[in-house]
Amino acid sequence: MTGVIRGRFCELICQRVGWRILGVDPFLIGFLSVLDALLDQPLPQLLDELPIAPEIKDALSGRPTLLGFVYNLVIAYERADWERVSELIGKVGLPEGEVPLLYAEAVAWADTLFRQIPL
């Protein structure tokens, strides 16, 4: 569920600030961020093997790109690193008060999604 919440959170942040990068789905950044834990392999190695957009690889590799700032904001919020959150919301141009709302929306969306899966 973590990857889905992160993915939706990345997507919502990009939508809110109006970032559209052709050929790149911000959801994939958050979704793929847990791939190393799922496959028990280092993320850099997995990224080298996947045919995904360079912008996604850059974001997940920690490079200082627009999508990298979004991904790092998601991770900082998840870890309650409020100093880093404040730094990164300035870089993405997101009003500070909206971050918790977007996170709550991402969690609710993921919860609805998973409730639809029959057990």
PDB file of N, CA and C in Angstrom:
ATOM      1  N   MET A   1       0.819  -1.195   0.000  1.00  0.00           N
ATOM      2  CA  MET A   1       0.000   0.000   0.000  1.00  0.00           C
ATOM      3  C   MET A   1       0.866   1.264   0.000  1.00  0.00           C
ATOM      4  N   THR A   2       2.051   1.179   0.570  1.00  0.00           N
ATOM      5  CA  THR A   2       2.942   2.344   0.645  1.00  0.00           C
ATOM      6  C   THR A   2       3.240   2.908  -0.740  1.00  0.00           C
ATOM      7  N   GLY A   3       3.556   2.027  -1.685  1.00  0.00           N
ATOM      8  CA  GLY A   3       3.873   2.489  -3.033  1.00  0.00           C
ATOM      9  C   GLY A   3       2.694   3.174  -3.699  1.00  0.00           C
ATOM     10  N   VAL A   4       1.500   2.702  -3.446  1.00  0.00           N
ATOM     11  CA  VAL A   4       0.300   3.296  -4.027  1.00  0.00           C
ATOM     12  C   VAL A   4       0.039   4.675  -3.405  1.00  0.00           C
ATOM     13  N   ILE A   5       0.189   4.779  -2.095  1.00  0.00           N
ATOM     14  CA  ILE A   5       0.013   6.088  -1.436  1.00  0.00           C
ATOM     15  C   ILE A   5       1.065   7.064  -1.938  1.00  0.00           C
ATOM     16  N   ARG A   6       2.317   6.632  -1.993  1.00  0.00           N
ATOM     17  CA  ARG A   6       3.373   7.516  -2.483  1.00  0.00           C
ATOM     18  C   ARG A   6       3.102   7.941  -3.924  1.00  0.00           C
ATOM     19  N   GLY A   7       2.673   6.976  -4.725  1.00  0.00           N
ATOM     20  CA  GLY A   7       2.395   7.287  -6.124  1.00  0.00           C
ATOM     21  C   GLY A   7       1.303   8.329  -6.274  1.00  0.00           C
ATOM     22  N   ARG A   8       0.218   8.129  -5.563  1.00  0.00           N
ATOM     23  CA  ARG A   8      -0.896   9.085  -5.644  1.00  0.00           C
ATOM     24  C   ARG A   8      -0.488  10.437  -5.076  1.00  0.00           C
ATOM     25  N   PHE A   9       0.289  10.444  -4.013  1.00  0.00           N
ATOM     26  CA  PHE A   9       0.762  11.695  -3.414  1.00  0.00           C
ATOM     27  C   PHE A   9       1.623  12.460  -4.420  1.00  0.00           C
ATOM     28  N   CYS A  10       2.540  11.778  -5.091  1.00  0.00           N
ATOM     29  CA  CYS A  10       3.357  12.416  -6.135  1.00  0.00           C
ATOM     30  C   CYS A  10       2.469  12.993  -7.236  1.00  0.00           C
ATOM     31  N   GLU A  11       1.499  12.215  -7.638  1.00  0.00           N
ATOM     32  CA  GLU A  11       0.575  12.630  -8.697  1.00  0.00           C
ATOM     33  C   GLU A  11      -0.207  13.876  -8.284  1.00  0.00           C
ATOM     34  N   LEU A  12      -0.730  13.877  -7.070  1.00  0.00           N
ATOM     35  CA  LEU A  12      -1.511  15.014  -6.584  1.00  0.00           C
ATOM     36  C   LEU A  12      -0.666  16.277  -6.457  1.00  0.00           C
ATOM     37  N   ILE A  13       0.565  16.135  -5.984  1.00  0.00           N
ATOM     38  CA  ILE A  13       1.450  17.303  -5.871  1.00  0.00           C
ATOM     39  C   ILE A  13       1.693  17.899  -7.252  1.00  0.00           C
ATOM     40  N   CYS A  14       2.016  17.055  -8.216  1.00  0.00           N
ATOM     41  CA  CYS A  14       2.276  17.546  -9.577  1.00  0.00           C
ATOM     42  C   CYS A  14       1.041  18.207 -10.170  1.00  0.00           C
ATOM     43  N   GLN A  15      -0.129  17.628  -9.940  1.00  0.00           N
ATOM     44  CA  GLN A  15      -1.369  18.228 -10.430  1.00  0.00           C
ATOM     45  C   GLN A  15      -1.594  19.592  -9.788  1.00  0.00           C
ATOM     46  N   ARG A  16      -1.375  19.664  -8.482  1.00  0.00           N
ATOM     47  CA  ARG A  16      -1.643  20.912  -7.744  1.00  0.00           C
ATOM     48  C   ARG A  16      -0.743  22.055  -8.205  1.00  0.00           C
ATOM     49  N   VAL A  17       0.513  21.761  -8.495  1.00  0.00           N
ATOM     50  CA  VAL A  17       1.427  22.831  -8.918  1.00  0.00           C
ATOM     51  C   VAL A  17       1.442  23.002 -10.432  1.00  0.00           C
ATOM     52  N   GLY A  18       0.688  22.158 -11.136  1.00  0.00           N
ATOM     53  CA  GLY A  18       0.556  22.320 -12.577  1.00  0.00           C
ATOM     54  C   GLY A  18       1.706  21.782 -13.399  1.00  0.00           C
ATOM     55  N   TRP A  19       2.428  20.817 -12.860  1.00  0.00           N
ATOM     56  CA  TRP A  19       3.547  20.238 -13.609  1.00  0.00           C
ATOM     57  C   TRP A  19       3.060  19.079 -14.442  1.00  0.00           C
ATOM     58  N   ARG A  20       3.313  19.161 -15.730  1.00  0.00           N
ATOM     59  CA  ARG A  20       3.029  18.055 -16.643  1.00  0.00           C
ATOM     60  C   ARG A  20       4.296  17.818 -17.443  1.00  0.00           C
ATOM     61  N   ILE A  21       4.851  16.666 -17.304  1.00  0.00           N
ATOM     62  CA  ILE A  21       6.071  16.319 -18.022  1.00  0.00           C
ATOM     63  C   ILE A  21       5.699  15.218 -19.000  1.00  0.00           C
ATOM     64  N   LEU A  22       5.823  15.524 -20.276  1.00  0.00           N
ATOM     65  CA  LEU A  22       5.397  14.596 -21.318  1.00  0.00           C
ATOM     66  C   LEU A  22       6.050  13.228 -21.157  1.00  0.00           C
ATOM     67  N   GLY A  23       5.217  12.208 -21.256  1.00  0.00           N
ATOM     68  CA  GLY A  23       5.725  10.841 -21.192  1.00  0.00           C
ATOM     69  C   GLY A  23       6.069  10.354 -19.803  1.00  0.00           C
ATOM     70  N   VAL A  24       5.760  11.142 -18.784  1.00  0.00           N
ATOM     71  CA  VAL A  24       6.108  10.754 -17.414  1.00  0.00           C
ATOM     72  C   VAL A  24       4.857  10.798 -16.542  1.00  0.00           C
ATOM     73  N   ASP A  25       4.589   9.682 -15.892  1.00  0.00           N
ATOM     74  CA  ASP A  25       3.476   9.606 -14.953  1.00  0.00           C
ATOM     75  C   ASP A  25       4.056   9.683 -13.542  1.00  0.00           C
ATOM     76  N   PRO A  26       3.801  10.778 -12.827  1.00  0.00           N
ATOM     77  CA  PRO A  26       4.375  10.919 -11.483  1.00  0.00           C
ATOM     78  C   PRO A  26       3.972   9.799 -10.529  1.00  0.00           C
ATOM     79  N   PHE A  27       2.839   9.154 -10.795  1.00  0.00           N
ATOM     80  CA  PHE A  27       2.413   8.035  -9.956  1.00  0.00           C
ATOM     81  C   PHE A  27       3.488   6.953  -9.914  1.00  0.00           C
ATOM     82  N   LEU A  28       4.138   6.712 -11.049  1.00  0.00           N
ATOM     83  CA  LEU A  28       5.147   5.653 -11.121  1.00  0.00           C
ATOM     84  C   LEU A  28       6.323   5.886 -10.184  1.00  0.00           C
ATOM     85  N   ILE A  29       6.634   7.142  -9.914  1.00  0.00           N
ATOM     86  CA  ILE A  29       7.759   7.443  -9.027  1.00  0.00           C
ATOM     87  C   ILE A  29       7.509   6.846  -7.643  1.00  0.00           C
ATOM     88  N   GLY A  30       6.366   7.151  -7.087  1.00  0.00           N
ATOM     89  CA  GLY A  30       6.045   6.614  -5.771  1.00  0.00           C
ATOM     90  C   GLY A  30       5.820   5.122  -5.789  1.00  0.00           C
ATOM     91  N   PHE A  31       5.140   4.649  -6.828  1.00  0.00           N
ATOM     92  CA  PHE A  31       4.843   3.227  -6.934  1.00  0.00           C
ATOM     93  C   PHE A  31       6.117   2.390  -7.028  1.00  0.00           C
ATOM     94  N   LEU A  32       7.066   2.839  -7.851  1.00  0.00           N
ATOM     95  CA  LEU A  32       8.313   2.093  -8.029  1.00  0.00           C
ATOM     96  C   LEU A  32       9.286   2.263  -6.869  1.00  0.00           C
ATOM     97  N   SER A  33       9.027   3.227  -5.999  1.00  0.00           N
ATOM     98  CA  SER A  33       9.959   3.494  -4.902  1.00  0.00           C
ATOM     99  C   SER A  33      10.063   2.333  -3.913  1.00  0.00           C
ATOM    100  N   VAL A  34       9.111   1.434  -3.933  1.00  0.00           N
ATOM    101  CA  VAL A  34       9.143   0.292  -3.008  1.00  0.00           C
ATOM    102  C   VAL A  34       9.586  -0.996  -3.701  1.00  0.00           C
ATOM    103  N   LEU A  35       9.966  -0.893  -4.951  1.00  0.00           N
ATOM    104  CA  LEU A  35      10.340  -2.069  -5.726  1.00  0.00           C
ATOM    105  C   LEU A  35      11.510  -2.822  -5.107  1.00  0.00           C
ATOM    106  N   ASP A  36      12.462  -2.100  -4.539  1.00  0.00           N
ATOM    107  CA  ASP A  36      13.613  -2.764  -3.917  1.00  0.00           C
ATOM    108  C   ASP A  36      13.181  -3.659  -2.759  1.00  0.00           C
ATOM    109  N   ALA A  37      12.229  -3.190  -1.967  1.00  0.00           N
ATOM    110  CA  ALA A  37      11.743  -3.993  -0.840  1.00  0.00           C
ATOM    111  C   ALA A  37      10.945  -5.206  -1.328  1.00  0.00           C
ATOM    112  N   LEU A  38      10.194  -5.023  -2.384  1.00  0.00           N
ATOM    113  CA  LEU A  38       9.394  -6.130  -2.910  1.00  0.00           C
ATOM    114  C   LEU A  38      10.249  -7.228  -3.537  1.00  0.00           C
ATOM    115  N   LEU A  39      11.312  -6.818  -4.224  1.00  0.00           N
ATOM    116  CA  LEU A  39      12.142  -7.779  -4.950  1.00  0.00           C
ATOM    117  C   LEU A  39      13.453  -8.111  -4.242  1.00  0.00           C
ATOM    118  N   ASP A  40      13.693  -7.469  -3.110  1.00  0.00           N
ATOM    119  CA  ASP A  40      14.908  -7.707  -2.326  1.00  0.00           C
ATOM    120  C   ASP A  40      16.177  -7.541  -3.163  1.00  0.00           C
ATOM    121  N   GLN A  41      16.201  -6.436  -3.904  1.00  0.00           N
ATOM    122  CA  GLN A  41      17.365  -6.069  -4.715  1.00  0.00           C
ATOM    123  C   GLN A  41      17.571  -4.565  -4.585  1.00  0.00           C
ATOM    124  N   PRO A  42      18.789  -4.093  -4.779  1.00  0.00           N
ATOM    125  CA  PRO A  42      19.039  -2.649  -4.691  1.00  0.00           C
ATOM    126  C   PRO A  42      18.270  -1.883  -5.768  1.00  0.00           C
ATOM    127  N   LEU A  43      17.667  -0.778  -5.375  1.00  0.00           N
ATOM    128  CA  LEU A  43      16.875   0.021  -6.313  1.00  0.00           C
ATOM    129  C   LEU A  43      17.683   0.485  -7.522  1.00  0.00           C
ATOM    130  N   PRO A  44      18.924   0.962  -7.338  1.00  0.00           N
ATOM    131  CA  PRO A  44      19.687   1.390  -8.528  1.00  0.00           C
ATOM    132  C   PRO A  44      19.835   0.272  -9.572  1.00  0.00           C
ATOM    133  N   GLN A  45      20.058  -0.935  -9.110  1.00  0.00           N
ATOM    134  CA  GLN A  45      20.187  -2.069 -10.029  1.00  0.00           C
ATOM    135  C   GLN A  45      18.865  -2.313 -10.763  1.00  0.00           C
ATOM    136  N   LEU A  46      17.779  -2.261 -10.046  1.00  0.00           N
ATOM    137  CA  LEU A  46      16.468  -2.471 -10.654  1.00  0.00           C
ATOM    138  C   LEU A  46      16.144  -1.376 -11.667  1.00  0.00           C
ATOM    139  N   LEU A  47      16.492  -0.148 -11.332  1.00  0.00           N
ATOM    140  CA  LEU A  47      16.221   0.970 -12.238  1.00  0.00           C
ATOM    141  C   LEU A  47      16.998   0.831 -13.541  1.00  0.00           C
ATOM    142  N   ASP A  48      18.207   0.318 -13.449  1.00  0.00           N
ATOM    143  CA  ASP A  48      19.004   0.100 -14.661  1.00  0.00           C
ATOM    144  C   ASP A  48      18.349  -0.904 -15.599  1.00  0.00           C
ATOM    145  N   GLU A  49      17.617  -1.847 -15.024  1.00  0.00           N
ATOM    146  CA  GLU A  49      17.022  -2.921 -15.817  1.00  0.00           C
ATOM    147  C   GLU A  49      15.636  -2.592 -16.356  1.00  0.00           C
ATOM    148  N   LEU A  50      15.004  -1.547 -15.837  1.00  0.00           N
ATOM    149  CA  LEU A  50      13.636  -1.224 -16.239  1.00  0.00           C
ATOM    150  C   LEU A  50      13.597  -0.214 -17.388  1.00  0.00           C
ATOM    151  N   PRO A  51      12.700  -0.437 -18.351  1.00  0.00           N
ATOM    152  CA  PRO A  51      12.557   0.516 -19.450  1.00  0.00           C
ATOM    153  C   PRO A  51      11.601   1.650 -19.060  1.00  0.00           C
ATOM    154  N   ILE A  52      12.059   2.524 -18.173  1.00  0.00           N
ATOM    155  CA  ILE A  52      11.229   3.644 -17.727  1.00  0.00           C
ATOM    156  C   ILE A  52      11.900   4.956 -18.105  1.00  0.00           C
ATOM    157  N   ALA A  53      11.124   6.010 -18.096  1.00  0.00           N
ATOM    158  CA  ALA A  53      11.605   7.340 -18.478  1.00  0.00           C
ATOM    159  C   ALA A  53      12.790   7.757 -17.612  1.00  0.00           C
ATOM    160  N   PRO A  54      13.786   8.398 -18.223  1.00  0.00           N
ATOM    161  CA  PRO A  54      14.948   8.866 -17.455  1.00  0.00           C
ATOM    162  C   PRO A  54      14.559   9.798 -16.308  1.00  0.00           C
ATOM    163  N   GLU A  55      13.487  10.567 -16.484  1.00  0.00           N
ATOM    164  CA  GLU A  55      13.051  11.480 -15.425  1.00  0.00           C
ATOM    165  C   GLU A  55      12.637  10.721 -14.165  1.00  0.00           C
ATOM    166  N   ILE A  56      12.050   9.559 -14.348  1.00  0.00           N
ATOM    167  CA  ILE A  56      11.651   8.734 -13.198  1.00  0.00           C
ATOM    168  C   ILE A  56      12.887   8.139 -12.534  1.00  0.00           C
ATOM    169  N   LYS A  57      13.802   7.653 -13.345  1.00  0.00           N
ATOM    170  CA  LYS A  57      15.053   7.104 -12.793  1.00  0.00           C
ATOM    171  C   LYS A  57      15.813   8.185 -12.034  1.00  0.00           C
ATOM    172  N   ASP A  58      15.868   9.392 -12.602  1.00  0.00           N
ATOM    173  CA  ASP A  58      16.564  10.497 -11.939  1.00  0.00           C
ATOM    174  C   ASP A  58      15.930  10.822 -10.589  1.00  0.00           C
ATOM    175  N   ALA A  59      14.593  10.884 -10.567  1.00  0.00           N
ATOM    176  CA  ALA A  59      13.893  11.212  -9.319  1.00  0.00           C
ATOM    177  C   ALA A  59      14.182  10.168  -8.246  1.00  0.00           C
ATOM    178  N   LEU A  60      14.098   8.901  -8.615  1.00  0.00           N
ATOM    179  CA  LEU A  60      14.316   7.822  -7.648  1.00  0.00           C
ATOM    180  C   LEU A  60      15.786   7.662  -7.257  1.00  0.00           C
ATOM    181  N   SER A  61      16.658   8.223  -8.074  1.00  0.00           N
ATOM    182  CA  SER A  61      18.095   8.168  -7.767  1.00  0.00           C
ATOM    183  C   SER A  61      18.547   9.353  -6.942  1.00  0.00           C
ATOM    184  N   GLY A  62      17.624  10.249  -6.625  1.00  0.00           N
ATOM    185  CA  GLY A  62      17.944  11.379  -5.765  1.00  0.00           C
ATOM    186  C   GLY A  62      18.526  12.590  -6.471  1.00  0.00           C
ATOM    187  N   ARG A  63      18.443  12.623  -7.789  1.00  0.00           N
ATOM    188  CA  ARG A  63      18.963  13.778  -8.516  1.00  0.00           C
ATOM    189  C   ARG A  63      18.046  14.978  -8.292  1.00  0.00           C
ATOM    190  N   PRO A  64      18.631  16.179  -8.246  1.00  0.00           N
ATOM    191  CA  PRO A  64      17.840  17.383  -7.962  1.00  0.00           C
ATOM    192  C   PRO A  64      17.066  17.867  -9.196  1.00  0.00           C
ATOM    193  N   THR A  65      16.013  17.149  -9.525  1.00  0.00           N
ATOM    194  CA  THR A  65      15.134  17.513 -10.636  1.00  0.00           C
ATOM    195  C   THR A  65      13.774  17.899 -10.073  1.00  0.00           C
ATOM    196  N   LEU A  66      12.893  18.420 -10.907  1.00  0.00           N
ATOM    197  CA  LEU A  66      11.557  18.769 -10.434  1.00  0.00           C
ATOM    198  C   LEU A  66      10.873  17.555  -9.804  1.00  0.00           C
ATOM    199  N   LEU A  67      10.898  16.436 -10.511  1.00  0.00           N
ATOM    200  CA  LEU A  67      10.277  15.226  -9.974  1.00  0.00           C
ATOM    201  C   LEU A  67      11.045  14.672  -8.780  1.00  0.00           C
ATOM    202  N   GLY A  68      12.337  14.894  -8.747  1.00  0.00           N
ATOM    203  CA  GLY A  68      13.134  14.496  -7.593  1.00  0.00           C
ATOM    204  C   GLY A  68      12.719  15.264  -6.347  1.00  0.00           C
ATOM    205  N   PHE A  69      12.428  16.554  -6.519  1.00  0.00           N
ATOM    206  CA  PHE A  69      11.955  17.355  -5.385  1.00  0.00           C
ATOM    207  C   PHE A  69      10.601  16.841  -4.892  1.00  0.00           C
ATOM    208  N   VAL A  70       9.718  16.481  -5.836  1.00  0.00           N
ATOM    209  CA  VAL A  70       8.404  15.953  -5.451  1.00  0.00           C
ATOM    210  C   VAL A  70       8.576  14.648  -4.676  1.00  0.00           C
ATOM    211  N   TYR A  71       9.377  13.745  -5.213  1.00  0.00           N
ATOM    212  CA  TYR A  71       9.595  12.455  -4.543  1.00  0.00           C
ATOM    213  C   TYR A  71      10.212  12.660  -3.154  1.00  0.00           C
ATOM    214  N   ASN A  72      11.195  13.515  -3.061  1.00  0.00           N
ATOM    215  CA  ASN A  72      11.828  13.770  -1.763  1.00  0.00           C
ATOM    216  C   ASN A  72      10.865  14.423  -0.780  1.00  0.00           C
ATOM    217  N   LEU A  73       9.951  15.245  -1.282  1.00  0.00           N
ATOM    218  CA  LEU A  73       8.919  15.842  -0.432  1.00  0.00           C
ATOM    219  C   LEU A  73       8.010  14.748   0.140  1.00  0.00           C
ATOM    220  N   VAL A  74       7.620  13.818  -0.704  1.00  0.00           N
ATOM    221  CA  VAL A  74       6.775  12.703  -0.265  1.00  0.00           C
ATOM    222  C   VAL A  74       7.479  11.902   0.825  1.00  0.00           C
ATOM    223  N   ILE A  75       8.735  11.587   0.610  1.00  0.00           N
ATOM    224  CA  ILE A  75       9.496  10.802   1.587  1.00  0.00           C
ATOM    225  C   ILE A  75       9.690  11.593   2.886  1.00  0.00           C
ATOM    226  N   ALA A  76      10.014  12.869   2.774  1.00  0.00           N
ATOM    227  CA  ALA A  76      10.207  13.702   3.972  1.00  0.00           C
ATOM    228  C   ALA A  76       8.916  13.806   4.774  1.00  0.00           C
ATOM    229  N   TYR A  77       7.791  13.957   4.087  1.00  0.00           N
ATOM    230  CA  TYR A  77       6.503  14.033   4.793  1.00  0.00           C
ATOM    231  C   TYR A  77       6.210  12.714   5.502  1.00  0.00           C
ATOM    232  N   GLU A  78       6.452  11.629   4.808  1.00  0.00           N
ATOM    233  CA  GLU A  78       6.232  10.295   5.376  1.00  0.00           C
ATOM    234  C   GLU A  78       7.075  10.081   6.640  1.00  0.00           C
ATOM    235  N   ARG A  79       8.270  10.630   6.658  1.00  0.00           N
ATOM    236  CA  ARG A  79       9.193  10.472   7.793  1.00  0.00           C
ATOM    237  C   ARG A  79       9.046  11.555   8.847  1.00  0.00           C
ATOM    238  N   ALA A  80       8.098  12.469   8.630  1.00  0.00           N
ATOM    239  CA  ALA A  80       7.872  13.595   9.544  1.00  0.00           C
ATOM    240  C   ALA A  80       9.115  14.463   9.701  1.00  0.00           C
ATOM    241  N   ASP A  81       9.857  14.632   8.618  1.00  0.00           N
ATOM    242  CA  ASP A  81      11.036  15.498   8.598  1.00  0.00           C
ATOM    243  C   ASP A  81      10.568  16.894   8.172  1.00  0.00           C
ATOM    244  N   TRP A  82       9.995  17.629   9.133  1.00  0.00           N
ATOM    245  CA  TRP A  82       9.295  18.874   8.828  1.00  0.00           C
ATOM    246  C   TRP A  82      10.221  19.950   8.286  1.00  0.00           C
ATOM    247  N   GLU A  83      11.461  19.958   8.717  1.00  0.00           N
ATOM    248  CA  GLU A  83      12.412  20.935   8.182  1.00  0.00           C
ATOM    249  C   GLU A  83      12.630  20.697   6.685  1.00  0.00           C
ATOM    250  N   ARG A  84      12.819  19.455   6.327  1.00  0.00           N
ATOM    251  CA  ARG A  84      13.015  19.088   4.911  1.00  0.00           C
ATOM    252  C   ARG A  84      11.729  19.331   4.109  1.00  0.00           C
ATOM    253  N   VAL A  85      10.576  19.045   4.713  1.00  0.00           N
ATOM    254  CA  VAL A  85       9.296  19.306   4.045  1.00  0.00           C
ATOM    255  C   VAL A  85       9.192  20.787   3.700  1.00  0.00           C
ATOM    256  N   SER A  86       9.492  21.649   4.661  1.00  0.00           N
ATOM    257  CA  SER A  86       9.419  23.096   4.423  1.00  0.00           C
ATOM    258  C   SER A  86      10.358  23.529   3.318  1.00  0.00           C
ATOM    259  N   GLU A  87      11.550  22.976   3.308  1.00  0.00           N
ATOM    260  CA  GLU A  87      12.529  23.292   2.264  1.00  0.00           C
ATOM    261  C   GLU A  87      12.001  22.883   0.885  1.00  0.00           C
ATOM    262  N   LEU A  88      11.437  21.687   0.808  1.00  0.00           N
ATOM    263  CA  LEU A  88      11.022  21.149  -0.487  1.00  0.00           C
ATOM    264  C   LEU A  88       9.729  21.755  -1.015  1.00  0.00           C
ATOM    265  N   ILE A  89       8.811  22.143  -0.130  1.00  0.00           N
ATOM    266  CA  ILE A  89       7.593  22.765  -0.648  1.00  0.00           C
ATOM    267  C   ILE A  89       7.911  24.100  -1.305  1.00  0.00           C
ATOM    268  N   GLY A  90       8.960  24.755  -0.824  1.00  0.00           N
ATOM    269  CA  GLY A  90       9.407  25.979  -1.486  1.00  0.00           C
ATOM    270  C   GLY A  90       9.934  25.703  -2.881  1.00  0.00           C
ATOM    271  N   LYS A  91      10.600  24.578  -3.043  1.00  0.00           N
ATOM    272  CA  LYS A  91      11.158  24.226  -4.347  1.00  0.00           C
ATOM    273  C   LYS A  91      10.092  23.806  -5.353  1.00  0.00           C
ATOM    274  N   VAL A  92       9.020  23.202  -4.866  1.00  0.00           N
ATOM    275  CA  VAL A  92       7.969  22.782  -5.790  1.00  0.00           C
ATOM    276  C   VAL A  92       6.868  23.825  -5.941  1.00  0.00           C
ATOM    277  N   GLY A  93       6.867  24.833  -5.073  1.00  0.00           N
ATOM    278  CA  GLY A  93       5.880  25.896  -5.189  1.00  0.00           C
ATOM    279  C   GLY A  93       4.503  25.511  -4.680  1.00  0.00           C
ATOM    280  N   LEU A  94       4.480  24.683  -3.662  1.00  0.00           N
ATOM    281  CA  LEU A  94       3.229  24.209  -3.091  1.00  0.00           C
ATOM    282  C   LEU A  94       2.954  24.952  -1.787  1.00  0.00           C
ATOM    283  N   PRO A  95       1.730  25.471  -1.604  1.00  0.00           N
ATOM    284  CA  PRO A  95       1.409  26.094  -0.322  1.00  0.00           C
ATOM    285  C   PRO A  95       1.530  25.080   0.816  1.00  0.00           C
ATOM    286  N   GLU A  96       2.180  25.461   1.892  1.00  0.00           N
ATOM    287  CA  GLU A  96       2.486  24.540   2.984  1.00  0.00           C
ATOM    288  C   GLU A  96       1.253  23.873   3.573  1.00  0.00           C
ATOM    289  N   GLY A  97       0.178  24.596   3.698  1.00  0.00           N
ATOM    290  CA  GLY A  97      -1.037  24.045   4.285  1.00  0.00           C
ATOM    291  C   GLY A  97      -1.700  22.976   3.440  1.00  0.00           C
ATOM    292  N   GLU A  98      -1.314  22.856   2.192  1.00  0.00           N
ATOM    293  CA  GLU A  98      -1.948  21.871   1.322  1.00  0.00           C
ATOM    294  C   GLU A  98      -1.308  20.492   1.395  1.00  0.00           C
ATOM    295  N   VAL A  99      -0.102  20.414   1.902  1.00  0.00           N
ATOM    296  CA  VAL A  99       0.599  19.131   1.943  1.00  0.00           C
ATOM    297  C   VAL A  99      -0.184  18.092   2.754  1.00  0.00           C
ATOM    298  N   PRO A 100      -0.642  18.403   3.963  1.00  0.00           N
ATOM    299  CA  PRO A 100      -1.405  17.393   4.706  1.00  0.00           C
ATOM    300  C   PRO A 100      -2.709  17.009   4.008  1.00  0.00           C
ATOM    301  N   LEU A 101      -3.331  17.971   3.346  1.00  0.00           N
ATOM    302  CA  LEU A 101      -4.581  17.676   2.635  1.00  0.00           C
ATOM    303  C   LEU A 101      -4.333  16.726   1.466  1.00  0.00           C
ATOM    304  N   LEU A 102      -3.268  16.957   0.731  1.00  0.00           N
ATOM    305  CA  LEU A 102      -2.938  16.086  -0.395  1.00  0.00           C
ATOM    306  C   LEU A 102      -2.554  14.693   0.088  1.00  0.00           C
ATOM    307  N   TYR A 103      -1.837  14.631   1.207  1.00  0.00           N
ATOM    308  CA  TYR A 103      -1.471  13.330   1.760  1.00  0.00           C
ATOM    309  C   TYR A 103      -2.728  12.570   2.196  1.00  0.00           C
ATOM    310  N   ALA A 104      -3.618  13.252   2.888  1.00  0.00           N
ATOM    311  CA  ALA A 104      -4.864  12.610   3.332  1.00  0.00           C
ATOM    312  C   ALA A 104      -5.677  12.136   2.128  1.00  0.00           C
ATOM    313  N   GLU A 105      -5.692  12.914   1.075  1.00  0.00           N
ATOM    314  CA  GLU A 105      -6.403  12.514  -0.140  1.00  0.00           C
ATOM    315  C   GLU A 105      -5.762  11.274  -0.764  1.00  0.00           C
ATOM    316  N   ALA A 106      -4.443  11.216  -0.762  1.00  0.00           N
ATOM    317  CA  ALA A 106      -3.733  10.046  -1.303  1.00  0.00           C
ATOM    318  C   ALA A 106      -4.032   8.795  -0.489  1.00  0.00           C
ATOM    319  N   VAL A 107      -4.052   8.933   0.827  1.00  0.00           N
ATOM    320  CA  VAL A 107      -4.351   7.788   1.698  1.00  0.00           C
ATOM    321  C   VAL A 107      -5.789   7.319   1.485  1.00  0.00           C
ATOM    322  N   ALA A 108      -6.714   8.255   1.408  1.00  0.00           N
ATOM    323  CA  ALA A 108      -8.118   7.894   1.196  1.00  0.00           C
ATOM    324  C   ALA A 108      -8.309   7.209  -0.158  1.00  0.00           C
ATOM    325  N   TRP A 109      -7.631   7.709  -1.174  1.00  0.00           N
ATOM    326  CA  TRP A 109      -7.720   7.115  -2.515  1.00  0.00           C
ATOM    327  C   TRP A 109      -7.197   5.681  -2.499  1.00  0.00           C
ATOM    328  N   ALA A 110      -6.054   5.470  -1.860  1.00  0.00           N
ATOM    329  CA  ALA A 110      -5.471   4.130  -1.781  1.00  0.00           C
ATOM    330  C   ALA A 110      -6.373   3.199  -0.984  1.00  0.00           C
ATOM    331  N   ASP A 111      -6.945   3.702   0.092  1.00  0.00           N
ATOM    332  CA  ASP A 111      -7.843   2.898   0.911  1.00  0.00           C
ATOM    333  C   ASP A 111      -9.052   2.454   0.091  1.00  0.00           C
ATOM    334  N   THR A 112      -9.632   3.362  -0.655  1.00  0.00           N
ATOM    335  CA  THR A 112     -10.778   3.030  -1.522  1.00  0.00           C
ATOM    336  C   THR A 112     -10.380   1.998  -2.563  1.00  0.00           C
ATOM    337  N   LEU A 113      -9.222   2.181  -3.140  1.00  0.00           N
ATOM    338  CA  LEU A 113      -8.734   1.254  -4.151  1.00  0.00           C
ATOM    339  C   LEU A 113      -8.586  -0.161  -3.585  1.00  0.00           C
ATOM    340  N   PHE A 114      -7.965  -0.282  -2.429  1.00  0.00           N
ATOM    341  CA  PHE A 114      -7.730  -1.587  -1.835  1.00  0.00           C
ATOM    342  C   PHE A 114      -9.006  -2.233  -1.283  1.00  0.00           C
ATOM    343  N   ARG A 115      -9.984  -1.418  -0.928  1.00  0.00           N
ATOM    344  CA  ARG A 115     -11.260  -1.977  -0.451  1.00  0.00           C
ATOM    345  C   ARG A 115     -12.026  -2.658  -1.597  1.00  0.00           C
ATOM    346  N   GLN A 116     -11.717  -2.266  -2.831  1.00  0.00           N
ATOM    347  CA  GLN A 116     -12.392  -2.831  -3.988  1.00  0.00           C
ATOM    348  C   GLN A 116     -11.814  -4.177  -4.414  1.00  0.00           C
ATOM    349  N   ILE A 117     -10.674  -4.528  -3.842  1.00  0.00           N
ATOM    350  CA  ILE A 117     -10.035  -5.800  -4.193  1.00  0.00           C
ATOM    351  C   ILE A 117     -10.650  -6.894  -3.335  1.00  0.00           C
ATOM    352  N   PRO A 118     -11.260  -7.898  -3.977  1.00  0.00           N
ATOM    353  CA  PRO A 118     -11.862  -8.970  -3.175  1.00  0.00           C
ATOM    354  C   PRO A 118     -10.782  -9.826  -2.497  1.00  0.00           C
ATOM    355  N   LEU A 119     -11.054 -10.183  -1.271  1.00  0.00           N
ATOM    356  CA  LEU A 119     -10.105 -11.003  -0.511  1.00  0.00           C
ATOM    357  C   LEU A 119     -10.417 -12.477  -0.639  1.00  0.00           C
TER     358      LEU A 119
END
